[in-house]
C-alpha atoms as a PDB file:
ATOM      1  CA  MET A   1     154.439 104.429  58.706  1.00  0.00           C
ATOM      2  CA  LYS A   2     151.150 103.101  60.059  1.00  0.00           C
ATOM      3  CA  THR A   3     149.249 105.476  62.308  1.00  0.00           C
ATOM      4  CA  ALA A   4     146.900 105.412  65.282  1.00  0.00           C
ATOM      5  CA  ARG A   5     143.987 107.772  65.777  1.00  0.00           C
ATOM      6  CA  LEU A   6     143.770 109.825  68.954  1.00  0.00           C
ATOM      7  CA  LEU A   7     140.616 110.963  70.729  1.00  0.00           C
ATOM      8  CA  ASP A   8     140.440 114.234  68.795  1.00  0.00           C
ATOM      9  CA  GLY A   9     140.905 112.548  65.414  1.00  0.00           C
ATOM     10  CA  SER A  10     144.601 113.393  65.080  1.00  0.00           C
ATOM     11  CA  ARG A  11     146.901 110.648  63.832  1.00  0.00           C
ATOM     12  CA  VAL A  12     150.309 109.676  65.190  1.00  0.00           C
ATOM     13  CA  PRO A  13     152.736 106.926  64.109  1.00  0.00           C
ATOM     14  CA  VAL A  14     152.198 103.591  65.846  1.00  0.00           C
ATOM     15  CA  LEU A  15     155.954 103.376  66.340  1.00  0.00           C
ATOM     16  CA  GLY A  16     157.643 106.204  68.196  1.00  0.00           C
ATOM     17  CA  GLN A  17     160.857 106.765  70.113  1.00  0.00           C
ATOM     18  CA  GLY A  18     161.474 106.550  73.846  1.00  0.00           C
ATOM     19  CA  THR A  19     164.188 108.473  75.690  1.00  0.00           C
ATOM     20  CA  TRP A  20     164.551 106.764  79.061  1.00  0.00           C
ATOM     21  CA  THR A  21     168.229 106.997  80.213  1.00  0.00           C
ATOM     22  CA  MET A  22     169.031 109.612  77.559  1.00  0.00           C
ATOM     23  CA  GLY A  23     170.789 112.726  78.783  1.00  0.00           C
ATOM     24  CA  GLU A  24     172.533 110.946  81.632  1.00  0.00           C
ATOM     25  CA  LYS A  25     175.987 111.088  80.011  1.00  0.00           C
ATOM     26  CA  ASN A  26     177.313 114.264  78.411  1.00  0.00           C
ATOM     27  CA  SER A  27     179.582 112.175  76.203  1.00  0.00           C
ATOM     28  CA  ALA A  28     176.540 110.500  74.625  1.00  0.00           C
ATOM     29  CA  HIS A  29     174.626 113.700  73.874  1.00  0.00           C
ATOM     30  CA  ALA A  30     175.618 114.055  70.225  1.00  0.00           C
ATOM     31  CA  SER A  31     174.940 110.407  69.395  1.00  0.00           C
ATOM     32  CA  GLU A  32     171.569 110.485  71.170  1.00  0.00           C
ATOM     33  CA  VAL A  33     170.530 113.587  69.241  1.00  0.00           C
ATOM     34  CA  ALA A  34     171.654 111.956  65.981  1.00  0.00           C
ATOM     35  CA  ALA A  35     169.717 108.778  66.780  1.00  0.00           C
ATOM     36  CA  LEU A  36     166.495 110.687  67.421  1.00  0.00           C
ATOM     37  CA  ARG A  37     166.952 112.668  64.222  1.00  0.00           C
ATOM     38  CA  LEU A  38     167.457 109.473  62.244  1.00  0.00           C
ATOM     39  CA  GLY A  39     164.297 108.057  63.776  1.00  0.00           C
ATOM     40  CA  ILE A  40     162.371 111.159  62.740  1.00  0.00           C
ATOM     41  CA  ASP A  41     163.645 110.787  59.185  1.00  0.00           C
ATOM     42  CA  LEU A  42     162.462 107.153  59.199  1.00  0.00           C
ATOM     43  CA  GLY A  43     158.938 108.134  60.234  1.00  0.00           C
ATOM     44  CA  MET A  44     159.140 107.649  64.006  1.00  0.00           C
ATOM     45  CA  THR A  45     158.083 111.229  64.643  1.00  0.00           C
ATOM     46  CA  LEU A  46     156.398 110.612  68.006  1.00  0.00           C
ATOM     47  CA  ILE A  47     158.991 111.147  70.747  1.00  0.00           C
ATOM     48  CA  ASP A  48     158.290 110.314  74.379  1.00  0.00           C
ATOM     49  CA  THR A  49     160.220 111.796  77.271  1.00  0.00           C
ATOM     50  CA  ALA A  50     159.683 112.964  80.876  1.00  0.00           C
ATOM     51  CA  GLU A  51     160.907 115.502  83.381  1.00  0.00           C
ATOM     52  CA  MET A  52     162.111 112.538  85.454  1.00  0.00           C
ATOM     53  CA  TYR A  53     164.467 111.196  82.780  1.00  0.00           C
ATOM     54  CA  GLY A  54     167.940 112.429  83.608  1.00  0.00           C
ATOM     55  CA  ASP A  55     166.356 115.094  85.832  1.00  0.00           C
ATOM     56  CA  GLY A  56     165.227 116.944  82.709  1.00  0.00           C
ATOM     57  CA  ALA A  57     168.324 116.185  80.641  1.00  0.00           C
ATOM     58  CA  ALA A  58     166.412 113.847  78.291  1.00  0.00           C
ATOM     59  CA  GLU A  59     164.057 116.702  77.430  1.00  0.00           C
ATOM     60  CA  LYS A  60     167.083 118.805  76.506  1.00  0.00           C
ATOM     61  CA  VAL A  61     168.305 116.029  74.185  1.00  0.00           C
ATOM     62  CA  VAL A  62     164.882 115.991  72.546  1.00  0.00           C
ATOM     63  CA  GLY A  63     164.955 119.779  72.259  1.00  0.00           C
ATOM     64  CA  ASP A  64     168.232 119.618  70.344  1.00  0.00           C
ATOM     65  CA  ALA A  65     166.992 116.763  68.146  1.00  0.00           C
ATOM     66  CA  ILE A  66     163.821 118.549  67.048  1.00  0.00           C
ATOM     67  CA  ASN A  67     165.421 121.968  66.628  1.00  0.00           C
ATOM     68  CA  GLY A  68     164.449 123.286  63.208  1.00  0.00           C
ATOM     69  CA  GLN A  69     161.830 120.596  62.580  1.00  0.00           C
ATOM     70  CA  ARG A  70     159.169 121.175  65.217  1.00  0.00           C
ATOM     71  CA  ASP A  71     156.359 120.808  62.694  1.00  0.00           C
ATOM     72  CA  ARG A  72     157.457 117.232  61.891  1.00  0.00           C
ATOM     73  CA  VAL A  73     157.240 115.805  65.399  1.00  0.00           C
ATOM     74  CA  PHE A  74     154.697 114.916  68.070  1.00  0.00           C
ATOM     75  CA  ILE A  75     156.128 115.483  71.547  1.00  0.00           C
ATOM     76  CA  VAL A  76     154.981 113.545  74.605  1.00  0.00           C
ATOM     77  CA  THR A  77     156.364 114.345  78.029  1.00  0.00           C
ATOM     78  CA  LYS A  78     155.372 113.448  81.570  1.00  0.00           C
ATOM     79  CA  ALA A  79     155.105 115.222  84.923  1.00  0.00           C
ATOM     80  CA  TYR A  80     156.011 113.841  88.328  1.00  0.00           C
ATOM     81  CA  PRO A  81     152.987 113.147  90.581  1.00  0.00           C
ATOM     82  CA  HIS A  82     154.314 115.613  93.166  1.00  0.00           C
ATOM     83  CA  ASN A  83     154.238 118.286  90.458  1.00  0.00           C
ATOM     84  CA  ALA A  84     150.662 117.499  89.412  1.00  0.00           C
ATOM     85  CA  SER A  85     148.771 119.943  91.644  1.00  0.00           C
ATOM     86  CA  ARG A  86     146.947 123.053  90.426  1.00  0.00           C
ATOM     87  CA  THR A  87     149.858 125.210  91.579  1.00  0.00           C
ATOM     88  CA  GLU A  88     152.818 123.010  90.623  1.00  0.00           C
ATOM     89  CA  LEU A  89     151.745 121.547  87.278  1.00  0.00           C
ATOM     90  CA  PRO A  90     151.898 124.896  85.423  1.00  0.00           C
ATOM     91  CA  LYS A  91     155.440 125.403  86.764  1.00  0.00           C
ATOM     92  CA  ALA A  92     156.522 121.894  85.753  1.00  0.00           C
ATOM     93  CA  CYS A  93     155.002 122.421  82.320  1.00  0.00           C
ATOM     94  CA  GLU A  94     156.922 125.672  81.823  1.00  0.00           C
ATOM     95  CA  ARG A  95     160.183 123.981  82.813  1.00  0.00           C
ATOM     96  CA  SER A  96     159.561 121.187  80.296  1.00  0.00           C
ATOM     97  CA  LEU A  97     158.685 123.695  77.586  1.00  0.00           C
ATOM     98  CA  ARG A  98     161.953 125.551  78.204  1.00  0.00           C
ATOM     99  CA  ARG A  99     164.045 122.382  78.113  1.00  0.00           C
ATOM    100  CA  LEU A 100     162.271 121.167  74.959  1.00  0.00           C
ATOM    101  CA  ARG A 101     162.483 124.674  73.443  1.00  0.00           C
ATOM    102  CA  ILE A 102     158.913 124.542  72.187  1.00  0.00           C
ATOM    103  CA  GLU A 103     155.797 126.612  72.812  1.00  0.00           C
ATOM    104  CA  THR A 104     153.240 123.810  73.193  1.00  0.00           C
ATOM    105  CA  ILE A 105     153.432 120.174  74.326  1.00  0.00           C
ATOM    106  CA  ASP A 106     151.475 117.862  72.035  1.00  0.00           C
ATOM    107  CA  LEU A 107     150.616 115.378  74.795  1.00  0.00           C
ATOM    108  CA  TYR A 108     151.295 115.915  78.507  1.00  0.00           C
ATOM    109  CA  LEU A 109     150.984 112.917  80.842  1.00  0.00           C
ATOM    110  CA  LEU A 110     150.783 112.287  84.567  1.00  0.00           C
ATOM    111  CA  HIS A 111     153.712 109.870  84.981  1.00  0.00           C
ATOM    112  CA  TRP A 112     152.023 107.794  87.673  1.00  0.00           C
ATOM    113  CA  ARG A 113     149.397 108.273  90.338  1.00  0.00           C
ATOM    114  CA  GLU A 114     149.887 108.956  94.034  1.00  0.00           C
ATOM    115  CA  LYS A 115     147.413 109.737  96.824  1.00  0.00           C
ATOM    116  CA  THR A 116     148.167 113.443  96.630  1.00  0.00           C
ATOM    117  CA  PRO A 117     147.349 115.644  94.900  1.00  0.00           C
ATOM    118  CA  PRO A 118     143.801 114.422  94.208  1.00  0.00           C
ATOM    119  CA  LEU A 119     143.405 113.098  90.681  1.00  0.00           C
ATOM    120  CA  GLU A 120     140.489 115.444  90.005  1.00  0.00           C
ATOM    121  CA  GLU A 121     142.728 118.411  90.811  1.00  0.00           C
ATOM    122  CA  THR A 122     145.312 117.161  88.303  1.00  0.00           C
ATOM    123  CA  VAL A 123     142.629 116.875  85.617  1.00  0.00           C
ATOM    124  CA  GLU A 124     141.538 120.450  86.304  1.00  0.00           C
ATOM    125  CA  ALA A 125     145.156 121.604  86.016  1.00  0.00           C
ATOM    126  CA  PHE A 126     145.529 119.799  82.672  1.00  0.00           C
ATOM    127  CA  VAL A 127     142.357 121.456  81.377  1.00  0.00           C
ATOM    128  CA  LYS A 128     143.636 124.903  82.340  1.00  0.00           C
ATOM    129  CA  LEU A 129     146.989 124.258  80.635  1.00  0.00           C
ATOM    130  CA  ARG A 130     145.163 123.232  77.487  1.00  0.00           C
ATOM    131  CA  SER A 131     142.970 126.329  77.601  1.00  0.00           C
ATOM    132  CA  ALA A 132     146.111 128.444  78.015  1.00  0.00           C
ATOM    133  CA  GLY A 133     147.663 126.876  74.912  1.00  0.00           C
ATOM    134  CA  LYS A 134     150.521 125.260  76.831  1.00  0.00           C
ATOM    135  CA  ILE A 135     149.459 121.727  75.909  1.00  0.00           C
ATOM    136  CA  LYS A 136     147.292 120.302  73.134  1.00  0.00           C
ATOM    137  CA  ARG A 137     146.238 117.086  74.882  1.00  0.00           C
ATOM    138  CA  TRP A 138     146.713 115.341  78.204  1.00  0.00           C
ATOM    139  CA  GLY A 139     146.797 111.766  79.405  1.00  0.00           C
ATOM    140  CA  VAL A 140     148.019 109.384  82.080  1.00  0.00           C
ATOM    141  CA  SER A 141     150.574 106.656  82.627  1.00  0.00           C
ATOM    142  CA  ASN A 142     150.574 103.488  84.727  1.00  0.00           C
ATOM    143  CA  PHE A 143     146.800 103.601  85.333  1.00  0.00           C
ATOM    144  CA  ASP A 144     144.894 100.356  85.882  1.00  0.00           C
ATOM    145  CA  VAL A 145     141.188  99.783  85.208  1.00  0.00           C
ATOM    146  CA  ASP A 146     139.987 101.147  88.554  1.00  0.00           C
ATOM    147  CA  ASP A 147     142.108 104.271  88.072  1.00  0.00           C
ATOM    148  CA  MET A 148     140.648 104.802  84.606  1.00  0.00           C
ATOM    149  CA  GLU A 149     137.096 104.304  85.875  1.00  0.00           C
ATOM    150  CA  GLN A 150     137.622 106.943  88.524  1.00  0.00           C
ATOM    151  CA  LEU A 151     139.257 109.270  86.006  1.00  0.00           C
ATOM    152  CA  TRP A 152     136.282 108.970  83.660  1.00  0.00           C
ATOM    153  CA  SER A 153     133.898 109.803  86.508  1.00  0.00           C
ATOM    154  CA  PHE A 154     135.338 113.317  86.720  1.00  0.00           C
ATOM    155  CA  ARG A 155     134.263 116.262  84.640  1.00  0.00           C
ATOM    156  CA  ASN A 156     136.616 116.368  81.619  1.00  0.00           C
ATOM    157  CA  GLY A 157     138.092 112.997  82.613  1.00  0.00           C
ATOM    158  CA  SER A 158     136.879 111.436  79.385  1.00  0.00           C
ATOM    159  CA  ASN A 159     139.216 113.768  77.459  1.00  0.00           C
ATOM    160  CA  CYS A 160     142.219 111.643  78.484  1.00  0.00           C
ATOM    161  CA  ALA A 161     144.111 110.960  75.243  1.00  0.00           C
ATOM    162  CA  THR A 162     146.162 107.893  76.203  1.00  0.00           C
ATOM    163  CA  ASN A 163     147.308 105.598  78.992  1.00  0.00           C
ATOM    164  CA  GLN A 164     151.018 104.776  78.796  1.00  0.00           C
ATOM    165  CA  VAL A 165     151.763 101.394  80.366  1.00  0.00           C
ATOM    166  CA  LEU A 166     154.351  98.627  80.424  1.00  0.00           C
ATOM    167  CA  TYR A 167     153.599  96.107  77.681  1.00  0.00           C
ATOM    168  CA  ASN A 168     155.821  93.508  76.063  1.00  0.00           C
ATOM    169  CA  LEU A 169     156.023  89.743  75.649  1.00  0.00           C
ATOM    170  CA  GLU A 170     157.183  89.269  79.228  1.00  0.00           C
ATOM    171  CA  ASN A 171     154.565  91.647  80.594  1.00  0.00           C
ATOM    172  CA  ARG A 172     151.174  90.799  79.098  1.00  0.00           C
ATOM    173  CA  GLU A 173     149.117  91.624  82.192  1.00  0.00           C
ATOM    174  CA  ILE A 174     147.121  94.395  80.508  1.00  0.00           C
ATOM    175  CA  GLU A 175     145.628  91.925  78.018  1.00  0.00           C
ATOM    176  CA  PHE A 176     143.283  90.459  80.637  1.00  0.00           C
ATOM    177  CA  ASP A 177     141.252  93.594  81.316  1.00  0.00           C
ATOM    178  CA  LEU A 178     142.954  96.971  80.808  1.00  0.00           C
ATOM    179  CA  LEU A 179     143.693  96.665  77.098  1.00  0.00           C
ATOM    180  CA  PRO A 180     140.176  95.563  76.087  1.00  0.00           C
ATOM    181  CA  PHE A 181     138.690  98.079  78.511  1.00  0.00           C
ATOM    182  CA  LEU A 182     140.486 100.942  76.761  1.00  0.00           C
ATOM    183  CA  THR A 183     140.337  99.836  73.142  1.00  0.00           C
ATOM    184  CA  SER A 184     137.235  97.716  72.569  1.00  0.00           C
ATOM    185  CA  ASN A 185     134.613 100.490  72.541  1.00  0.00           C
ATOM    186  CA  ILE A 186     135.210 101.531  68.947  1.00  0.00           C
ATOM    187  CA  LYS A 187     133.038 103.483  66.519  1.00  0.00           C
ATOM    188  CA  PRO A 188     133.498 102.917  62.779  1.00  0.00           C
ATOM    189  CA  GLN A 189     135.733 105.618  61.376  1.00  0.00           C
ATOM    190  CA  PRO A 190     135.106 107.298  58.004  1.00  0.00           C
ATOM    191  CA  SER A 191     137.762 107.211  55.324  1.00  0.00           C
ATOM    192  CA  GLU A 192     140.191 110.108  54.995  1.00  0.00           C
ATOM    193  CA  ARG A 193     138.539 111.050  51.699  1.00  0.00           C
ATOM    194  CA  GLY A 194     135.127 110.799  53.294  1.00  0.00           C
ATOM    195  CA  GLU A 195     136.187 113.120  56.064  1.00  0.00           C
ATOM    196  CA  ARG A 196     137.454 115.682  53.579  1.00  0.00           C
ATOM    197  CA  ASP A 197     134.306 115.520  51.484  1.00  0.00           C
ATOM    198  CA  ARG A 198     132.060 115.910  54.511  1.00  0.00           C
ATOM    199  CA  ARG A 199     134.035 118.918  55.756  1.00  0.00           C
ATOM    200  CA  GLN A 200     133.764 120.574  52.346  1.00  0.00           C
ATOM    201  CA  ASN A 201     130.027 119.929  52.082  1.00  0.00           C
ATOM    202  CA  ARG A 202     129.028 121.085  55.557  1.00  0.00           C
ATOM    203  CA  GLU A 203     128.400 124.715  56.355  1.00  0.00           C
ATOM    204  CA  GLY A 204     127.707 126.452  59.650  1.00  0.00           C
ATOM    205  CA  SER A 205     129.251 126.013  63.085  1.00  0.00           C
ATOM    206  CA  GLY A 206     126.600 123.489  64.197  1.00  0.00           C
ATOM    207  CA  GLU A 207     127.334 121.226  61.257  1.00  0.00           C
ATOM    208  CA  ARG A 208     131.072 121.515  61.809  1.00  0.00           C
ATOM    209  CA  ALA A 209     130.675 120.557  65.438  1.00  0.00           C
ATOM    210  CA  ARG A 210     128.597 117.515  64.527  1.00  0.00           C
ATOM    211  CA  ALA A 211     131.165 116.565  61.896  1.00  0.00           C
ATOM    212  CA  ALA A 212     133.995 116.827  64.403  1.00  0.00           C
ATOM    213  CA  SER A 213     132.185 114.602  66.894  1.00  0.00           C
ATOM    214  CA  GLU A 214     131.542 112.032  64.163  1.00  0.00           C
ATOM    215  CA  PHE A 215     135.258 111.662  63.537  1.00  0.00           C
ATOM    216  CA  GLN A 216     136.269 111.358  67.185  1.00  0.00           C
ATOM    217  CA  THR A 217     137.161 107.947  68.538  1.00  0.00           C
ATOM    218  CA  SER A 218     135.469 106.417  71.548  1.00  0.00           C
ATOM    219  CA  TYR A 219     138.528 104.460  72.665  1.00  0.00           C
ATOM    220  CA  ILE A 220     141.861 105.377  74.191  1.00  0.00           C
ATOM    221  CA  PRO A 221     145.035 104.219  72.440  1.00  0.00           C
ATOM    222  CA  VAL A 222     147.491 102.419  74.679  1.00  0.00           C
ATOM    223  CA  MET A 223     151.089 103.638  74.572  1.00  0.00           C
ATOM    224  CA  ALA A 224     153.414 100.714  75.314  1.00  0.00           C
ATOM    225  CA  TYR A 225     156.677 101.564  77.038  1.00  0.00           C
ATOM    226  CA  SER A 226     159.622  99.136  77.178  1.00  0.00           C
ATOM    227  CA  PRO A 227     158.086  97.057  74.332  1.00  0.00           C
ATOM    228  CA  LEU A 228     161.397  95.188  73.991  1.00  0.00           C
ATOM    229  CA  GLY A 229     161.581  94.297  77.665  1.00  0.00           C
ATOM    230  CA  HIS A 230     164.019  95.554  80.254  1.00  0.00           C
ATOM    231  CA  GLY A 231     167.573  94.461  79.505  1.00  0.00           C
ATOM    232  CA  ARG A 232     168.555  91.906  76.856  1.00  0.00           C
ATOM    233  CA  GLY A 233     166.855  88.840  78.330  1.00  0.00           C
ATOM    234  CA  LEU A 234     163.723  88.920  76.194  1.00  0.00           C
ATOM    235  CA  LEU A 235     165.651  89.300  72.944  1.00  0.00           C
ATOM    236  CA  GLU A 236     167.706  86.178  73.675  1.00  0.00           C
ATOM    237  CA  ASN A 237     164.628  83.957  73.890  1.00  0.00           C
ATOM    238  CA  ALA A 238     164.939  80.791  71.787  1.00  0.00           C
ATOM    239  CA  THR A 239     161.396  80.986  70.399  1.00  0.00           C
ATOM    240  CA  LEU A 240     161.877  84.570  69.269  1.00  0.00           C
ATOM    241  CA  LYS A 241     165.171  83.616  67.639  1.00  0.00           C
ATOM    242  CA  LYS A 242     163.468  80.802  65.697  1.00  0.00           C
ATOM    243  CA  ILE A 243     160.680  83.095  64.483  1.00  0.00           C
ATOM    244  CA  ALA A 244     163.206  85.805  63.598  1.00  0.00           C
ATOM    245  CA  ARG A 245     165.154  83.333  61.450  1.00  0.00           C
ATOM    246  CA  ARG A 246     161.926  82.312  59.742  1.00  0.00           C
ATOM    247  CA  HIS A 247     161.292  85.923  58.704  1.00  0.00           C
ATOM    248  CA  ASP A 248     164.955  86.866  58.224  1.00  0.00           C
ATOM    249  CA  ARG A 249     164.586  89.568  60.857  1.00  0.00           C
ATOM    250  CA  THR A 250     165.924  90.338  64.333  1.00  0.00           C
ATOM    251  CA  THR A 251     164.322  89.259  67.600  1.00  0.00           C
ATOM    252  CA  ALA A 252     163.734  92.930  68.437  1.00  0.00           C
ATOM    253  CA  GLN A 253     161.768  93.377  65.229  1.00  0.00           C
ATOM    254  CA  ILE A 254     159.630  90.331  65.999  1.00  0.00           C
ATOM    255  CA  ALA A 255     158.981  91.557  69.564  1.00  0.00           C
ATOM    256  CA  LEU A 256     157.945  94.996  68.286  1.00  0.00           C
ATOM    257  CA  THR A 257     155.767  93.520  65.561  1.00  0.00           C
ATOM    258  CA  TRP A 258     154.029  91.413  68.201  1.00  0.00           C
ATOM    259  CA  VAL A 259     153.224  94.482  70.328  1.00  0.00           C
ATOM    260  CA  LEU A 260     151.953  96.381  67.283  1.00  0.00           C
ATOM    261  CA  ARG A 261     149.727  93.500  66.175  1.00  0.00           C
ATOM    262  CA  GLN A 262     147.143  94.902  68.557  1.00  0.00           C
ATOM    263  CA  PRO A 263     144.949  97.661  67.113  1.00  0.00           C
ATOM    264  CA  HIS A 264     145.196 101.044  68.828  1.00  0.00           C
ATOM    265  CA  VAL A 265     148.568 100.326  70.447  1.00  0.00           C
ATOM    266  CA  ILE A 266     151.531 102.691  70.059  1.00  0.00           C
ATOM    267  CA  ALA A 267     155.025 101.417  70.901  1.00  0.00           C
ATOM    268  CA  ILE A 268     157.829 103.696  72.094  1.00  0.00           C
ATOM    269  CA  PRO A 269     161.099 101.704  72.193  1.00  0.00           C
ATOM    270  CA  LYS A 270     164.223 103.526  73.277  1.00  0.00           C
ATOM    271  CA  ALA A 271     167.251 103.183  70.998  1.00  0.00           C
ATOM    272  CA  SER A 272     170.357 105.321  70.750  1.00  0.00           C
ATOM    273  CA  ASP A 273     172.209 103.088  68.280  1.00  0.00           C
ATOM    274  CA  LYS A 274     171.548 103.940  64.631  1.00  0.00           C
ATOM    275  CA  ARG A 275     171.441 100.291  63.603  1.00  0.00           C
ATOM    276  CA  HIS A 276     168.778  99.599  66.223  1.00  0.00           C
ATOM    277  CA  ILE A 277     166.838 102.665  65.081  1.00  0.00           C
ATOM    278  CA  ARG A 278     166.771 101.346  61.513  1.00  0.00           C
ATOM    279  CA  ASP A 279     165.800  97.874  62.713  1.00  0.00           C
ATOM    280  CA  ASN A 280     162.931  99.299  64.761  1.00  0.00           C
ATOM    281  CA  ALA A 281     161.618 101.269  61.790  1.00  0.00           C
ATOM    282  CA  ARG A 282     161.482  98.090  59.683  1.00  0.00           C
ATOM    283  CA  SER A 283     159.348  96.227  62.232  1.00  0.00           C
ATOM    284  CA  THR A 284     156.080  97.691  60.959  1.00  0.00           C
ATOM    285  CA  ASP A 285     156.082  95.731  57.694  1.00  0.00           C
ATOM    286  CA  ILE A 286     156.277  92.224  59.191  1.00  0.00           C
ATOM    287  CA  GLU A 287     153.227  89.935  59.208  1.00  0.00           C
ATOM    288  CA  LEU A 288     153.288  87.312  61.945  1.00  0.00           C
ATOM    289  CA  THR A 289     151.588  84.033  60.999  1.00  0.00           C
ATOM    290  CA  LYS A 290     149.160  82.018  63.105  1.00  0.00           C
ATOM    291  CA  GLU A 291     152.009  79.576  63.677  1.00  0.00           C
ATOM    292  CA  ASP A 292     154.252  82.408  64.912  1.00  0.00           C
ATOM    293  CA  LEU A 293     151.592  83.688  67.299  1.00  0.00           C
ATOM    294  CA  ALA A 294     150.846  80.206  68.643  1.00  0.00           C
ATOM    295  CA  GLU A 295     154.521  79.602  69.369  1.00  0.00           C
ATOM    296  CA  ILE A 296     154.790  82.975  71.061  1.00  0.00           C
ATOM    297  CA  ASP A 297     151.755  82.247  73.252  1.00  0.00           C
ATOM    298  CA  GLN A 298     153.323  78.969  74.318  1.00  0.00           C
ATOM    299  CA  ALA A 299     156.604  80.662  75.225  1.00  0.00           C
ATOM    300  CA  PHE A 300     154.950  83.732  76.756  1.00  0.00           C
ATOM    301  CA  PRO A 301     151.480  82.687  77.969  1.00  0.00           C
ATOM    302  CA  PRO A 302     148.769  85.345  78.079  1.00  0.00           C
ATOM    303  CA  PRO A 303     147.241  86.102  81.500  1.00  0.00           C
ATOM    304  CA  LYS A 304     144.347  83.930  82.647  1.00  0.00           C
ATOM    305  CA  SER A 305     143.285  86.155  85.557  1.00  0.00           C
ATOM    306  CA  LYS A 306     143.545  89.683  86.838  1.00  0.00           C
ATOM    307  CA  GLN A 307     147.076  90.625  87.887  1.00  0.00           C
ATOM    308  CA  ASP A 308     148.618  93.756  89.328  1.00  0.00           C
ATOM    309  CA  LEU A 309     149.624  96.317  86.734  1.00  0.00           C
ATOM    310  CA  PRO A 310     153.417  96.025  86.250  1.00  0.00           C
ATOM    311  CA  THR A 311     155.537  99.162  86.204  1.00  0.00           C
ATOM    312  CA  LEU A 312     159.192 100.076  85.822  1.00  0.00           C
END
């Protein structure tokens, strides 16, 4: 599985698993757990969820799916804006930890932004949770360029690990400004072997600190939710069907491959059907041609001006 590098140098799979609508039906619990476990076995070890999904029930599904294999997975969950204050965020975090049955959240996101609490207060609360060992990283969701600029103006704001946004063939709005804004400021990264050799050759805390900073990225990976669109409409598109036939693949695989063509983009499709899980996992080995991409651009034109950030 291909990986993306986070701000701290950690790597996560570019293709993860979403859980929106999971946990809403007790009768589907076993199949949802099995689907997530299959996805983990196929390399989709990043799992995204939220306290909002099923009023916490999706987190419980994830907790059952990762039971006994915590060290294999990277867990992302999100807090409601009204729980993002200095007093409420620690409580929301504890509730998520209990439902997930884990001790630390790998990446904790603000689900979307509202006027209150102040964003700077939320950042401070994230920093305290990280210092307390409750979370390893924090980030945001549904933030546009102006939101990110304000976030980066705060102390510790530049430690934001990702921005999770809506991105698929029908929703290309972020390509005009947000996507390049987040991902274009890139430092060359050393090879994995080079990193190991440098760590072995350096001695002293000062050298280790300089080494760590050398390996950090200066961009923020984008996490694309609903990469297959909302509903079945996108997957029935005639152009996608033609390209899928050309590659002997499904339209869903072509749509996912298109999202992942962008560097520093992580896709988190939701699938609870094992066949769809397997199809998703096989989307990372497809190479779209210039002809494919030109046809896609004609069917789904890229934005030519700034547009409002779409959300679901």
